[in-house]
Amino acid sequence: MKKVLFCLLMFGSISLLAQGQAASEINEFIDQWHQDAANVDREAYFGKIGEEGIFIGTDATEIWTKQEFYDWAEPQFTGDGKAWGFKATDRNIYFGKKSKYIWFDELLSFSGGELRGSGVLVNSKNGLKIMHYVLSLPVPNEKFRAVLKAMDEE
């Protein structure tokens, strides 16, 4: 009985350790993706998005396939373009069974304030790929009606 309990504890510990290492790799991957934009490295940035990937921006009209997002972002990544520089200040990572699918949410700081991102990664034979990413503006509940009113005035 003691051996069975010991084995269960060991496997559980190994699983948690592996998930901790995986979380570290996921953090590095997402941080590098944000850094690729800050470095104006279009190929590296879009190379981390899966071919069927979707990017949803802060505007209600911004629901883009990878190619649509790539085309829209071209001016930010070419010439004297300055893409964007997001830095995660907080991130939660969640793993599906066998860690094939990973989803996350994050708070991001940038020169204009704070944003929220959430995404889904797939762990494929070609490595990690972002399949879905949503960028949003977190609004404090007490300011929500004022924000709606300001949006309605335009």
N, C-alpha and C. Protein backbone atom coordinates (compact mmCIF):
# COMPACT_ATOMS: atom_id res chain seq x y z
N MET A 1 0.82 -1.19 0.00
CA MET A 1 0.00 0.00 0.00
C MET A 1 0.87 1.26 0.00
N LYS A 2 1.93 1.24 0.82
CA LYS A 2 2.82 2.39 0.87
C LYS A 2 3.48 2.63 -0.48
N LYS A 3 3.83 1.54 -1.17
CA LYS A 3 4.47 1.67 -2.49
C LYS A 3 3.51 2.29 -3.50
N VAL A 4 2.26 1.88 -3.44
CA VAL A 4 1.25 2.43 -4.36
C VAL A 4 1.07 3.92 -4.10
N LEU A 5 0.94 4.29 -2.85
CA LEU A 5 0.80 5.69 -2.48
C LEU A 5 2.03 6.49 -2.91
N PHE A 6 3.20 5.94 -2.68
CA PHE A 6 4.44 6.60 -3.08
C PHE A 6 4.47 6.83 -4.59
N CYS A 7 4.09 5.81 -5.36
CA CYS A 7 4.07 5.92 -6.83
C CYS A 7 3.08 6.99 -7.28
N LEU A 8 1.91 7.01 -6.67
CA LEU A 8 0.92 8.02 -7.03
C LEU A 8 1.44 9.43 -6.74
N LEU A 9 2.06 9.60 -5.60
CA LEU A 9 2.63 10.91 -5.26
C LEU A 9 3.75 11.29 -6.22
N MET A 10 4.57 10.36 -6.60
CA MET A 10 5.67 10.63 -7.53
C MET A 10 5.14 11.04 -8.90
N PHE A 11 4.16 10.28 -9.42
CA PHE A 11 3.61 10.60 -10.73
C PHE A 11 2.91 11.96 -10.71
N GLY A 12 2.21 12.24 -9.61
CA GLY A 12 1.57 13.54 -9.48
C GLY A 12 2.58 14.66 -9.44
N SER A 13 3.67 14.46 -8.72
CA SER A 13 4.73 15.46 -8.64
C SER A 13 5.40 15.67 -9.99
N ILE A 14 5.65 14.58 -10.70
CA ILE A 14 6.27 14.68 -12.03
C ILE A 14 5.34 15.43 -12.97
N SER A 15 4.05 15.13 -12.91
CA SER A 15 3.08 15.80 -13.76
C SER A 15 3.05 17.30 -13.48
N LEU A 16 3.04 17.68 -12.20
CA LEU A 16 3.05 19.10 -11.85
C LEU A 16 4.34 19.76 -12.29
N LEU A 17 5.45 19.08 -12.14
CA LEU A 17 6.74 19.60 -12.56
C LEU A 17 6.74 19.81 -14.07
N ALA A 18 6.26 18.83 -14.82
CA ALA A 18 6.21 18.94 -16.28
C ALA A 18 5.31 20.10 -16.69
N GLN A 19 4.18 20.25 -16.00
CA GLN A 19 3.28 21.34 -16.34
C GLN A 19 3.93 22.69 -16.00
N GLY A 20 4.69 22.74 -14.92
CA GLY A 20 5.41 23.96 -14.58
C GLY A 20 6.45 24.32 -15.63
N GLN A 21 7.17 23.31 -16.12
CA GLN A 21 8.14 23.55 -17.19
C GLN A 21 7.42 23.99 -18.46
N ALA A 22 6.29 23.35 -18.76
CA ALA A 22 5.52 23.72 -19.94
C ALA A 22 5.01 25.15 -19.81
N ALA A 23 4.54 25.53 -18.63
CA ALA A 23 4.06 26.90 -18.42
C ALA A 23 5.18 27.90 -18.67
N SER A 24 6.38 27.56 -18.25
CA SER A 24 7.53 28.43 -18.49
C SER A 24 7.78 28.59 -19.99
N GLU A 25 7.70 27.49 -20.73
CA GLU A 25 7.88 27.54 -22.19
C GLU A 25 6.77 28.35 -22.86
N ILE A 26 5.55 28.20 -22.38
CA ILE A 26 4.41 28.95 -22.93
C ILE A 26 4.62 30.44 -22.68
N ASN A 27 5.00 30.79 -21.46
CA ASN A 27 5.27 32.20 -21.15
C ASN A 27 6.34 32.77 -22.07
N GLU A 28 7.42 32.03 -22.26
CA GLU A 28 8.50 32.50 -23.14
C GLU A 28 7.99 32.68 -24.57
N PHE A 29 7.18 31.75 -25.05
CA PHE A 29 6.65 31.81 -26.41
C PHE A 29 5.77 33.06 -26.59
N ILE A 30 4.84 33.29 -25.67
CA ILE A 30 3.94 34.44 -25.79
C ILE A 30 4.71 35.75 -25.60
N ASP A 31 5.63 35.79 -24.63
CA ASP A 31 6.45 36.99 -24.44
C ASP A 31 7.25 37.30 -25.70
N GLN A 32 7.80 36.28 -26.33
CA GLN A 32 8.58 36.50 -27.56
C GLN A 32 7.68 36.98 -28.69
N TRP A 33 6.46 36.47 -28.76
CA TRP A 33 5.50 36.93 -29.78
C TRP A 33 5.26 38.43 -29.63
N HIS A 34 5.02 38.87 -28.40
CA HIS A 34 4.83 40.31 -28.17
C HIS A 34 6.12 41.07 -28.50
N GLN A 35 7.26 40.51 -28.16
CA GLN A 35 8.54 41.16 -28.44
C GLN A 35 8.80 41.25 -29.94
N ASP A 36 8.36 40.24 -30.69
CA ASP A 36 8.51 40.27 -32.15
C ASP A 36 7.82 41.49 -32.74
N ALA A 37 6.64 41.83 -32.21
CA ALA A 37 5.94 43.03 -32.69
C ALA A 37 6.72 44.28 -32.30
N ALA A 38 7.19 44.35 -31.07
CA ALA A 38 7.96 45.51 -30.61
C ALA A 38 9.24 45.67 -31.43
N ASN A 39 9.82 44.55 -31.88
CA ASN A 39 11.03 44.58 -32.70
C ASN A 39 10.73 44.78 -34.18
N VAL A 40 9.46 44.94 -34.52
CA VAL A 40 9.01 45.10 -35.90
C VAL A 40 9.49 43.93 -36.77
N ASP A 41 9.39 42.74 -36.24
CA ASP A 41 9.79 41.52 -36.95
C ASP A 41 8.53 40.78 -37.40
N ARG A 42 8.04 41.20 -38.55
CA ARG A 42 6.77 40.69 -39.07
C ARG A 42 6.78 39.19 -39.30
N GLU A 43 7.85 38.67 -39.87
CA GLU A 43 7.89 37.24 -40.18
C GLU A 43 7.87 36.40 -38.90
N ALA A 44 8.64 36.82 -37.90
CA ALA A 44 8.65 36.08 -36.63
C ALA A 44 7.30 36.18 -35.94
N TYR A 45 6.71 37.39 -35.95
CA TYR A 45 5.42 37.60 -35.29
C TYR A 45 4.34 36.74 -35.92
N PHE A 46 4.21 36.81 -37.23
CA PHE A 46 3.15 36.06 -37.90
C PHE A 46 3.49 34.58 -38.04
N GLY A 47 4.76 34.24 -37.94
CA GLY A 47 5.15 32.84 -37.95
C GLY A 47 4.67 32.07 -36.72
N LYS A 48 4.34 32.79 -35.67
CA LYS A 48 3.84 32.15 -34.45
C LYS A 48 2.32 31.95 -34.48
N ILE A 49 1.66 32.49 -35.50
CA ILE A 49 0.22 32.33 -35.65
C ILE A 49 -0.04 31.18 -36.61
N GLY A 50 -0.93 30.27 -36.24
CA GLY A 50 -1.28 29.15 -37.10
C GLY A 50 -1.93 29.61 -38.39
N GLU A 51 -1.83 28.80 -39.43
CA GLU A 51 -2.39 29.17 -40.74
C GLU A 51 -3.89 29.46 -40.66
N GLU A 52 -4.61 28.78 -39.79
CA GLU A 52 -6.04 29.03 -39.62
C GLU A 52 -6.31 29.96 -38.44
N GLY A 53 -5.28 30.64 -37.99
CA GLY A 53 -5.40 31.50 -36.82
C GLY A 53 -6.33 32.68 -37.04
N ILE A 54 -6.93 33.13 -35.95
CA ILE A 54 -7.85 34.28 -35.95
C ILE A 54 -7.34 35.29 -34.93
N PHE A 55 -7.35 36.57 -35.33
CA PHE A 55 -6.99 37.66 -34.42
C PHE A 55 -8.19 38.58 -34.32
N ILE A 56 -8.64 38.83 -33.10
CA ILE A 56 -9.77 39.74 -32.86
C ILE A 56 -9.22 40.95 -32.13
N GLY A 57 -9.34 42.12 -32.78
CA GLY A 57 -8.82 43.35 -32.21
C GLY A 57 -9.84 44.05 -31.33
N THR A 58 -9.51 45.25 -30.91
CA THR A 58 -10.36 46.00 -29.98
C THR A 58 -11.57 46.61 -30.65
N ASP A 59 -11.53 46.83 -31.95
CA ASP A 59 -12.67 47.38 -32.69
C ASP A 59 -13.60 46.23 -33.07
N ALA A 60 -14.90 46.49 -33.03
CA ALA A 60 -15.89 45.44 -33.32
C ALA A 60 -15.74 44.87 -34.73
N THR A 61 -15.12 45.62 -35.64
CA THR A 61 -14.96 45.15 -37.02
C THR A 61 -13.70 44.30 -37.20
N GLU A 62 -12.87 44.23 -36.20
CA GLU A 62 -11.57 43.56 -36.32
C GLU A 62 -11.65 42.08 -35.95
N ILE A 63 -12.12 41.28 -36.89
CA ILE A 63 -12.10 39.82 -36.77
C ILE A 63 -11.39 39.34 -38.02
N TRP A 64 -10.11 39.03 -37.87
CA TRP A 64 -9.26 38.78 -39.02
C TRP A 64 -8.71 37.36 -39.06
N THR A 65 -8.63 36.83 -40.26
CA THR A 65 -7.85 35.62 -40.48
C THR A 65 -6.38 36.03 -40.37
N LYS A 66 -5.52 35.07 -40.34
CA LYS A 66 -4.09 35.38 -40.29
C LYS A 66 -3.69 36.26 -41.47
N GLN A 67 -4.15 35.92 -42.67
CA GLN A 67 -3.78 36.69 -43.86
C GLN A 67 -4.34 38.11 -43.81
N GLU A 68 -5.58 38.26 -43.38
CA GLU A 68 -6.18 39.60 -43.27
C GLU A 68 -5.42 40.45 -42.25
N PHE A 69 -5.07 39.86 -41.13
CA PHE A 69 -4.31 40.57 -40.11
C PHE A 69 -2.93 40.93 -40.63
N TYR A 70 -2.30 40.00 -41.33
CA TYR A 70 -0.98 40.22 -41.93
C TYR A 70 -1.03 41.42 -42.88
N ASP A 71 -2.05 41.45 -43.73
CA ASP A 71 -2.19 42.55 -44.70
C ASP A 71 -2.45 43.87 -43.99
N TRP A 72 -3.34 43.86 -42.99
CA TRP A 72 -3.67 45.08 -42.26
C TRP A 72 -2.44 45.63 -41.55
N ALA A 73 -1.63 44.76 -40.99
CA ALA A 73 -0.49 45.18 -40.17
C ALA A 73 0.73 45.57 -40.99
N GLU A 74 0.70 45.35 -42.30
CA GLU A 74 1.89 45.61 -43.12
C GLU A 74 2.50 46.99 -42.89
N PRO A 75 1.72 48.08 -42.87
CA PRO A 75 2.34 49.40 -42.65
C PRO A 75 3.07 49.52 -41.31
N GLN A 76 2.58 48.82 -40.29
CA GLN A 76 3.22 48.88 -38.97
C GLN A 76 4.55 48.13 -38.96
N PHE A 77 4.73 47.21 -39.89
CA PHE A 77 5.92 46.36 -39.90
C PHE A 77 6.90 46.70 -41.03
N THR A 78 6.61 47.72 -41.81
CA THR A 78 7.49 48.05 -42.94
C THR A 78 7.96 49.50 -42.85
N GLY A 79 9.03 49.79 -43.56
CA GLY A 79 9.57 51.14 -43.60
C GLY A 79 9.90 51.64 -42.21
N ASP A 80 9.38 52.80 -41.89
CA ASP A 80 9.59 53.38 -40.56
C ASP A 80 8.49 52.96 -39.60
N GLY A 81 7.79 51.90 -39.96
CA GLY A 81 6.68 51.43 -39.13
C GLY A 81 7.11 51.10 -37.72
N LYS A 82 6.20 51.33 -36.83
CA LYS A 82 6.39 50.96 -35.43
C LYS A 82 5.19 50.12 -35.08
N ALA A 83 5.41 48.85 -34.91
CA ALA A 83 4.29 47.98 -34.58
C ALA A 83 3.79 48.36 -33.19
N TRP A 84 3.68 47.47 -32.30
CA TRP A 84 3.18 47.76 -30.97
C TRP A 84 4.05 47.05 -29.96
N GLY A 85 4.08 47.59 -28.78
CA GLY A 85 4.89 47.00 -27.72
C GLY A 85 4.06 46.69 -26.50
N PHE A 86 3.63 45.44 -26.39
CA PHE A 86 2.86 45.00 -25.23
C PHE A 86 3.77 44.20 -24.30
N LYS A 87 3.59 44.42 -23.03
CA LYS A 87 4.35 43.69 -22.02
C LYS A 87 3.35 43.09 -21.03
N ALA A 88 3.40 41.77 -20.88
CA ALA A 88 2.48 41.10 -19.95
C ALA A 88 2.83 41.45 -18.51
N THR A 89 1.83 41.88 -17.76
CA THR A 89 2.02 42.15 -16.34
C THR A 89 1.42 41.03 -15.49
N ASP A 90 0.56 40.23 -16.10
CA ASP A 90 -0.04 39.09 -15.42
C ASP A 90 -0.53 38.12 -16.48
N ARG A 91 -0.38 36.84 -16.22
CA ARG A 91 -0.84 35.85 -17.20
C ARG A 91 -1.25 34.57 -16.48
N ASN A 92 -2.35 33.99 -16.91
CA ASN A 92 -2.82 32.69 -16.43
C ASN A 92 -2.79 31.73 -17.60
N ILE A 93 -2.30 30.52 -17.36
CA ILE A 93 -2.18 29.51 -18.42
C ILE A 93 -2.93 28.27 -17.98
N TYR A 94 -3.67 27.69 -18.92
CA TYR A 94 -4.48 26.50 -18.64
C TYR A 94 -4.17 25.45 -19.70
N PHE A 95 -4.09 24.19 -19.27
CA PHE A 95 -3.73 23.10 -20.16
C PHE A 95 -4.90 22.15 -20.36
N GLY A 96 -5.13 21.76 -21.61
CA GLY A 96 -6.08 20.71 -21.91
C GLY A 96 -5.42 19.35 -21.71
N LYS A 97 -6.18 18.30 -21.97
CA LYS A 97 -5.63 16.95 -21.83
C LYS A 97 -4.44 16.78 -22.76
N LYS A 98 -3.42 16.16 -22.24
CA LYS A 98 -2.18 15.88 -22.96
C LYS A 98 -1.51 17.16 -23.47
N SER A 99 -1.95 18.30 -22.98
CA SER A 99 -1.36 19.61 -23.32
C SER A 99 -1.35 19.91 -24.81
N LYS A 100 -2.27 19.33 -25.58
CA LYS A 100 -2.34 19.66 -27.01
C LYS A 100 -2.90 21.07 -27.18
N TYR A 101 -3.89 21.42 -26.38
CA TYR A 101 -4.47 22.77 -26.44
C TYR A 101 -4.16 23.48 -25.14
N ILE A 102 -3.76 24.73 -25.27
CA ILE A 102 -3.41 25.56 -24.13
C ILE A 102 -4.14 26.87 -24.32
N TRP A 103 -4.76 27.38 -23.29
CA TRP A 103 -5.39 28.68 -23.40
C TRP A 103 -4.87 29.56 -22.28
N PHE A 104 -4.96 30.86 -22.51
CA PHE A 104 -4.37 31.79 -21.55
C PHE A 104 -5.13 33.11 -21.58
N ASP A 105 -4.97 33.85 -20.51
CA ASP A 105 -5.43 35.24 -20.47
C ASP A 105 -4.29 36.05 -19.87
N GLU A 106 -4.24 37.31 -20.25
CA GLU A 106 -3.13 38.14 -19.79
C GLU A 106 -3.54 39.60 -19.71
N LEU A 107 -2.92 40.31 -18.79
CA LEU A 107 -3.02 41.76 -18.74
C LEU A 107 -1.75 42.29 -19.38
N LEU A 108 -1.92 43.31 -20.21
CA LEU A 108 -0.81 43.86 -20.97
C LEU A 108 -0.66 45.35 -20.68
N SER A 109 0.55 45.79 -20.49
CA SER A 109 0.79 47.22 -20.39
C SER A 109 1.41 47.68 -21.71
N PHE A 110 1.08 48.90 -22.08
CA PHE A 110 1.69 49.53 -23.25
C PHE A 110 1.67 51.03 -23.01
N SER A 111 2.24 51.79 -23.90
CA SER A 111 2.41 53.22 -23.67
C SER A 111 1.09 53.94 -23.42
N GLY A 112 -0.02 53.39 -23.91
CA GLY A 112 -1.32 54.04 -23.73
C GLY A 112 -2.12 53.55 -22.54
N GLY A 113 -1.62 52.58 -21.81
CA GLY A 113 -2.36 52.09 -20.66
C GLY A 113 -2.33 50.58 -20.53
N GLU A 114 -3.52 50.00 -20.34
CA GLU A 114 -3.62 48.57 -20.08
C GLU A 114 -4.62 47.92 -21.03
N LEU A 115 -4.29 46.75 -21.50
CA LEU A 115 -5.17 45.94 -22.35
C LEU A 115 -5.25 44.55 -21.76
N ARG A 116 -6.19 43.77 -22.27
CA ARG A 116 -6.30 42.36 -21.89
C ARG A 116 -6.23 41.54 -23.16
N GLY A 117 -5.51 40.45 -23.08
CA GLY A 117 -5.45 39.51 -24.19
C GLY A 117 -5.85 38.14 -23.71
N SER A 118 -6.42 37.37 -24.61
CA SER A 118 -6.68 35.96 -24.30
C SER A 118 -6.49 35.18 -25.58
N GLY A 119 -6.02 33.97 -25.44
CA GLY A 119 -5.72 33.21 -26.64
C GLY A 119 -5.75 31.71 -26.43
N VAL A 120 -5.71 31.02 -27.56
CA VAL A 120 -5.66 29.57 -27.58
C VAL A 120 -4.45 29.17 -28.42
N LEU A 121 -3.64 28.29 -27.87
CA LEU A 121 -2.48 27.75 -28.58
C LEU A 121 -2.74 26.29 -28.88
N VAL A 122 -2.14 25.81 -29.96
CA VAL A 122 -2.14 24.38 -30.22
C VAL A 122 -0.69 23.93 -30.20
N ASN A 123 -0.44 22.81 -29.58
CA ASN A 123 0.89 22.23 -29.52
C ASN A 123 0.95 21.17 -30.62
N SER A 124 1.46 21.56 -31.78
CA SER A 124 1.45 20.69 -32.96
C SER A 124 2.83 20.10 -33.22
N LYS A 125 2.92 19.28 -34.26
CA LYS A 125 4.22 18.72 -34.63
C LYS A 125 5.18 19.81 -35.10
N ASN A 126 4.64 20.98 -35.47
CA ASN A 126 5.46 22.12 -35.87
C ASN A 126 5.71 23.08 -34.71
N GLY A 127 5.41 22.64 -33.50
CA GLY A 127 5.61 23.49 -32.34
C GLY A 127 4.34 24.24 -31.97
N LEU A 128 4.48 25.19 -31.07
CA LEU A 128 3.34 25.99 -30.62
C LEU A 128 2.89 26.94 -31.71
N LYS A 129 1.57 27.09 -31.84
CA LYS A 129 0.99 28.05 -32.77
C LYS A 129 -0.21 28.71 -32.09
N ILE A 130 -0.34 30.00 -32.30
CA ILE A 130 -1.50 30.74 -31.80
C ILE A 130 -2.63 30.53 -32.79
N MET A 131 -3.75 30.01 -32.30
CA MET A 131 -4.88 29.73 -33.17
C MET A 131 -5.99 30.76 -33.01
N HIS A 132 -6.03 31.43 -31.88
CA HIS A 132 -7.09 32.40 -31.63
C HIS A 132 -6.56 33.39 -30.60
N TYR A 133 -6.67 34.68 -30.90
CA TYR A 133 -6.23 35.69 -29.94
C TYR A 133 -7.24 36.83 -29.94
N VAL A 134 -7.60 37.27 -28.75
CA VAL A 134 -8.54 38.38 -28.59
C VAL A 134 -7.85 39.47 -27.77
N LEU A 135 -7.81 40.66 -28.33
CA LEU A 135 -7.26 41.82 -27.64
C LEU A 135 -8.43 42.70 -27.23
N SER A 136 -8.50 43.07 -25.97
CA SER A 136 -9.63 43.87 -25.51
C SER A 136 -9.17 44.94 -24.53
N LEU A 137 -10.06 45.87 -24.31
CA LEU A 137 -9.81 46.97 -23.39
C LEU A 137 -10.60 46.72 -22.12
N PRO A 138 -9.93 46.44 -21.01
CA PRO A 138 -10.68 46.23 -19.77
C PRO A 138 -11.21 47.57 -19.26
N VAL A 139 -12.48 47.59 -18.94
CA VAL A 139 -13.13 48.81 -18.46
C VAL A 139 -13.63 48.56 -17.04
N PRO A 140 -13.23 49.38 -16.09
CA PRO A 140 -13.74 49.22 -14.73
C PRO A 140 -15.27 49.31 -14.73
N ASN A 141 -15.91 48.47 -13.95
CA ASN A 141 -17.38 48.44 -13.93
C ASN A 141 -18.00 49.80 -13.66
N GLU A 142 -17.41 50.57 -12.76
CA GLU A 142 -17.98 51.88 -12.42
C GLU A 142 -17.85 52.89 -13.57
N LYS A 143 -17.03 52.61 -14.58
CA LYS A 143 -16.87 53.51 -15.72
C LYS A 143 -17.53 52.98 -16.99
N PHE A 144 -18.14 51.82 -16.89
CA PHE A 144 -18.70 51.15 -18.05
C PHE A 144 -19.75 52.00 -18.78
N ARG A 145 -20.72 52.55 -18.05
CA ARG A 145 -21.77 53.35 -18.68
C ARG A 145 -21.19 54.61 -19.33
N ALA A 146 -20.22 55.23 -18.69
CA ALA A 146 -19.59 56.42 -19.27
C ALA A 146 -18.86 56.09 -20.56
N VAL A 147 -18.23 54.93 -20.61
CA VAL A 147 -17.54 54.50 -21.84
C VAL A 147 -18.56 54.25 -22.94
N LEU A 148 -19.66 53.57 -22.62
CA LEU A 148 -20.71 53.34 -23.62
C LEU A 148 -21.27 54.66 -24.14
N LYS A 149 -21.48 55.62 -23.24
CA LYS A 149 -22.00 56.93 -23.64
C LYS A 149 -21.00 57.63 -24.56
N ALA A 150 -19.73 57.60 -24.22
CA ALA A 150 -18.70 58.23 -25.06
C ALA A 150 -18.65 57.58 -26.44
N MET A 151 -18.80 56.27 -26.50
CA MET A 151 -18.80 55.57 -27.79
C MET A 151 -20.03 55.94 -28.61
N ASP A 152 -21.16 56.15 -27.95
CA ASP A 152 -22.41 56.47 -28.63
C ASP A 152 -22.39 57.89 -29.19
N GLU A 153 -21.59 58.78 -28.61
CA GLU A 153 -21.53 60.18 -29.03
C GLU A 153 -20.81 60.37 -30.35
N GLU A 154 -20.04 59.40 -30.77
CA GLU A 154 -19.26 59.57 -32.00
C GLU A 154 -20.07 59.37 -33.22
